[in-house]
Amino acid sequence: MAWFTEDAIKLVLTGEEVRGHAAIREADAPLWDDPTLTLRWEPDAGGWLEPGCTGYTRGRYTLDRADDSGESVLGTGTYLTLSAETGGEAMGQLRCLGGVVE
């Protein structure tokens, strides 16, 4: 979760909005705490909105995990992330400003 900025926003197309690094971590904890979880994402587009400062990626994701009986459960969807170069000690690294998940 370190890739999210402190003021990041996660939007889910069902209308849910989660604001802030800590709130996103808490909302996603059940997902990331699952040791059977595998997340794959396949970007199909990306670029700079503001050269060298703000960029985006868009694509499809697949979540695979085992249910209580050990059977595989797949979830798929589309994502869009916005990222910005961080300053200071992390100069040159991109951090996520927010994302939309379908």
C-alpha atoms as a PDB file:
ATOM      1  CA  MET A   1       0.000   0.000   0.000  1.00  0.00           C
ATOM      2  CA  ALA A   2       3.034   2.276   0.159  1.00  0.00           C
ATOM      3  CA  TRP A   3       2.407   3.360  -3.424  1.00  0.00           C
ATOM      4  CA  PHE A   4      -0.625   5.472  -2.403  1.00  0.00           C
ATOM      5  CA  THR A   5      -0.118   9.101  -1.402  1.00  0.00           C
ATOM      6  CA  GLU A   6      -1.512  10.268   1.934  1.00  0.00           C
ATOM      7  CA  ASP A   7      -4.373  12.061   0.141  1.00  0.00           C
ATOM      8  CA  ALA A   8      -5.119   9.373  -2.476  1.00  0.00           C
ATOM      9  CA  ILE A   9      -8.689   8.580  -3.480  1.00  0.00           C
ATOM     10  CA  LYS A  10      -9.984   5.158  -4.518  1.00  0.00           C
ATOM     11  CA  LEU A  11     -13.248   5.190  -6.445  1.00  0.00           C
ATOM     12  CA  VAL A  12     -15.309   2.084  -7.093  1.00  0.00           C
ATOM     13  CA  LEU A  13     -17.857   2.316  -9.884  1.00  0.00           C
ATOM     14  CA  THR A  14     -20.571   1.158  -7.474  1.00  0.00           C
ATOM     15  CA  GLY A  15     -20.268   4.619  -5.914  1.00  0.00           C
ATOM     16  CA  GLU A  16     -17.905   3.855  -3.040  1.00  0.00           C
ATOM     17  CA  GLU A  17     -15.217   6.471  -2.418  1.00  0.00           C
ATOM     18  CA  VAL A  18     -12.340   5.846  -0.033  1.00  0.00           C
ATOM     19  CA  ARG A  19     -10.118   8.822   0.842  1.00  0.00           C
ATOM     20  CA  GLY A  20      -6.614   8.716   2.248  1.00  0.00           C
ATOM     21  CA  HIS A  21      -3.814   6.195   2.562  1.00  0.00           C
ATOM     22  CA  ALA A  22      -4.968   4.820   5.927  1.00  0.00           C
ATOM     23  CA  ALA A  23      -8.621   4.481   4.850  1.00  0.00           C
ATOM     24  CA  ILE A  24      -7.646   2.697   1.619  1.00  0.00           C
ATOM     25  CA  ARG A  25      -5.412   0.319   3.587  1.00  0.00           C
ATOM     26  CA  GLU A  26      -8.245  -0.425   6.035  1.00  0.00           C
ATOM     27  CA  ALA A  27     -10.837  -0.922   3.272  1.00  0.00           C
ATOM     28  CA  ASP A  28      -8.565  -3.288   1.325  1.00  0.00           C
ATOM     29  CA  ALA A  29      -7.170  -5.183   4.351  1.00  0.00           C
ATOM     30  CA  PRO A  30      -9.437  -8.248   3.984  1.00  0.00           C
ATOM     31  CA  LEU A  31      -8.273  -8.596   0.387  1.00  0.00           C
ATOM     32  CA  TRP A  32      -4.524  -8.162   0.998  1.00  0.00           C
ATOM     33  CA  ASP A  33      -4.562 -10.278   4.169  1.00  0.00           C
ATOM     34  CA  ASP A  34      -5.755 -13.321   2.179  1.00  0.00           C
ATOM     35  CA  PRO A  35      -2.665 -15.540   1.622  1.00  0.00           C
ATOM     36  CA  THR A  36      -4.388 -17.296  -1.288  1.00  0.00           C
ATOM     37  CA  LEU A  37      -4.807 -14.049  -3.247  1.00  0.00           C
ATOM     38  CA  THR A  38      -3.094 -13.524  -6.589  1.00  0.00           C
ATOM     39  CA  LEU A  39      -3.508 -10.184  -8.362  1.00  0.00           C
ATOM     40  CA  ARG A  40      -2.604  -9.765 -12.014  1.00  0.00           C
ATOM     41  CA  TRP A  41      -3.000  -6.567 -13.960  1.00  0.00           C
ATOM     42  CA  GLU A  42      -2.586  -6.011 -17.639  1.00  0.00           C
ATOM     43  CA  PRO A  43      -2.105  -2.374 -18.633  1.00  0.00           C
ATOM     44  CA  ASP A  44      -3.349  -1.592 -22.129  1.00  0.00           C
ATOM     45  CA  ALA A  45      -2.639   2.131 -22.135  1.00  0.00           C
ATOM     46  CA  GLY A  46      -0.570   4.625 -20.248  1.00  0.00           C
ATOM     47  CA  GLY A  47       1.133   7.928 -20.660  1.00  0.00           C
ATOM     48  CA  TRP A  48       1.914  11.320 -19.244  1.00  0.00           C
ATOM     49  CA  LEU A  49      -0.797  13.904 -18.665  1.00  0.00           C
ATOM     50  CA  GLU A  50       1.836  16.402 -17.658  1.00  0.00           C
ATOM     51  CA  PRO A  51       5.262  15.322 -18.977  1.00  0.00           C
ATOM     52  CA  GLY A  52       7.515  14.171 -16.161  1.00  0.00           C
ATOM     53  CA  CYS A  53       4.948  14.903 -13.442  1.00  0.00           C
ATOM     54  CA  THR A  54       1.569  13.187 -13.743  1.00  0.00           C
ATOM     55  CA  GLY A  55       0.792   9.975 -15.596  1.00  0.00           C
ATOM     56  CA  TYR A  56      -1.845   7.281 -15.907  1.00  0.00           C
ATOM     57  CA  THR A  57      -2.271   3.592 -16.613  1.00  0.00           C
ATOM     58  CA  ARG A  58      -5.432   1.804 -17.680  1.00  0.00           C
ATOM     59  CA  GLY A  59      -6.159  -1.865 -18.158  1.00  0.00           C
ATOM     60  CA  ARG A  60      -7.750  -5.064 -16.906  1.00  0.00           C
ATOM     61  CA  TYR A  61      -7.133  -6.913 -13.641  1.00  0.00           C
ATOM     62  CA  THR A  62      -7.749 -10.449 -12.429  1.00  0.00           C
ATOM     63  CA  LEU A  63      -8.035 -11.438  -8.767  1.00  0.00           C
ATOM     64  CA  ASP A  64      -7.750 -15.123  -7.998  1.00  0.00           C
ATOM     65  CA  ARG A  65      -8.230 -16.559  -4.512  1.00  0.00           C
ATOM     66  CA  ALA A  66      -9.392 -19.747  -2.847  1.00  0.00           C
ATOM     67  CA  ASP A  67     -12.771 -19.881  -1.139  1.00  0.00           C
ATOM     68  CA  ASP A  68     -13.404 -21.781   2.115  1.00  0.00           C
ATOM     69  CA  SER A  69     -13.569 -25.094   0.237  1.00  0.00           C
ATOM     70  CA  GLY A  70     -10.298 -24.394  -1.613  1.00  0.00           C
ATOM     71  CA  GLU A  71     -11.991 -23.713  -4.951  1.00  0.00           C
ATOM     72  CA  SER A  72     -10.629 -20.895  -7.101  1.00  0.00           C
ATOM     73  CA  VAL A  73     -12.702 -17.719  -7.210  1.00  0.00           C
ATOM     74  CA  LEU A  74     -11.929 -15.277 -10.002  1.00  0.00           C
ATOM     75  CA  GLY A  75     -12.774 -11.609 -10.138  1.00  0.00           C
ATOM     76  CA  THR A  76     -12.047  -9.434 -13.145  1.00  0.00           C
ATOM     77  CA  GLY A  77     -12.484  -5.803 -13.986  1.00  0.00           C
ATOM     78  CA  THR A  78     -11.031  -2.600 -15.342  1.00  0.00           C
ATOM     79  CA  TYR A  79      -8.815  -0.090 -13.567  1.00  0.00           C
ATOM     80  CA  LEU A  80      -7.462   3.421 -14.099  1.00  0.00           C
ATOM     81  CA  THR A  81      -4.716   4.884 -11.932  1.00  0.00           C
ATOM     82  CA  LEU A  82      -3.275   8.390 -11.758  1.00  0.00           C
ATOM     83  CA  SER A  83       0.278   8.754 -10.494  1.00  0.00           C
ATOM     84  CA  ALA A  84       2.638  11.627  -9.832  1.00  0.00           C
ATOM     85  CA  GLU A  85       6.342  11.938  -9.288  1.00  0.00           C
ATOM     86  CA  THR A  86       7.172  12.346  -5.636  1.00  0.00           C
ATOM     87  CA  GLY A  87       9.622  14.940  -4.476  1.00  0.00           C
ATOM     88  CA  GLY A  88      12.203  14.992  -1.728  1.00  0.00           C
ATOM     89  CA  GLU A  89      13.975  11.765  -0.801  1.00  0.00           C
ATOM     90  CA  ALA A  90      11.791   9.735  -3.171  1.00  0.00           C
ATOM     91  CA  MET A  91      12.577  11.933  -6.194  1.00  0.00           C
ATOM     92  CA  GLY A  92      11.966  10.064  -9.414  1.00  0.00           C
ATOM     93  CA  GLN A  93       9.480   7.593  -7.925  1.00  0.00           C
ATOM     94  CA  LEU A  94       5.823   7.551  -8.916  1.00  0.00           C
ATOM     95  CA  ARG A  95       3.130   7.356  -6.231  1.00  0.00           C
ATOM     96  CA  CYS A  96      -0.543   6.652  -6.842  1.00  0.00           C
ATOM     97  CA  LEU A  97      -2.840   9.673  -6.476  1.00  0.00           C
ATOM     98  CA  GLY A  98      -5.973   7.651  -6.969  1.00  0.00           C
ATOM     99  CA  GLY A  99      -7.719   5.041  -8.976  1.00  0.00           C
ATOM    100  CA  VAL A 100     -11.026   3.857 -10.313  1.00  0.00           C
ATOM    101  CA  VAL A 101     -11.933   0.175 -10.099  1.00  0.00           C
ATOM    102  CA  GLU A 102     -14.813  -1.493 -11.916  1.00  0.00           C
END
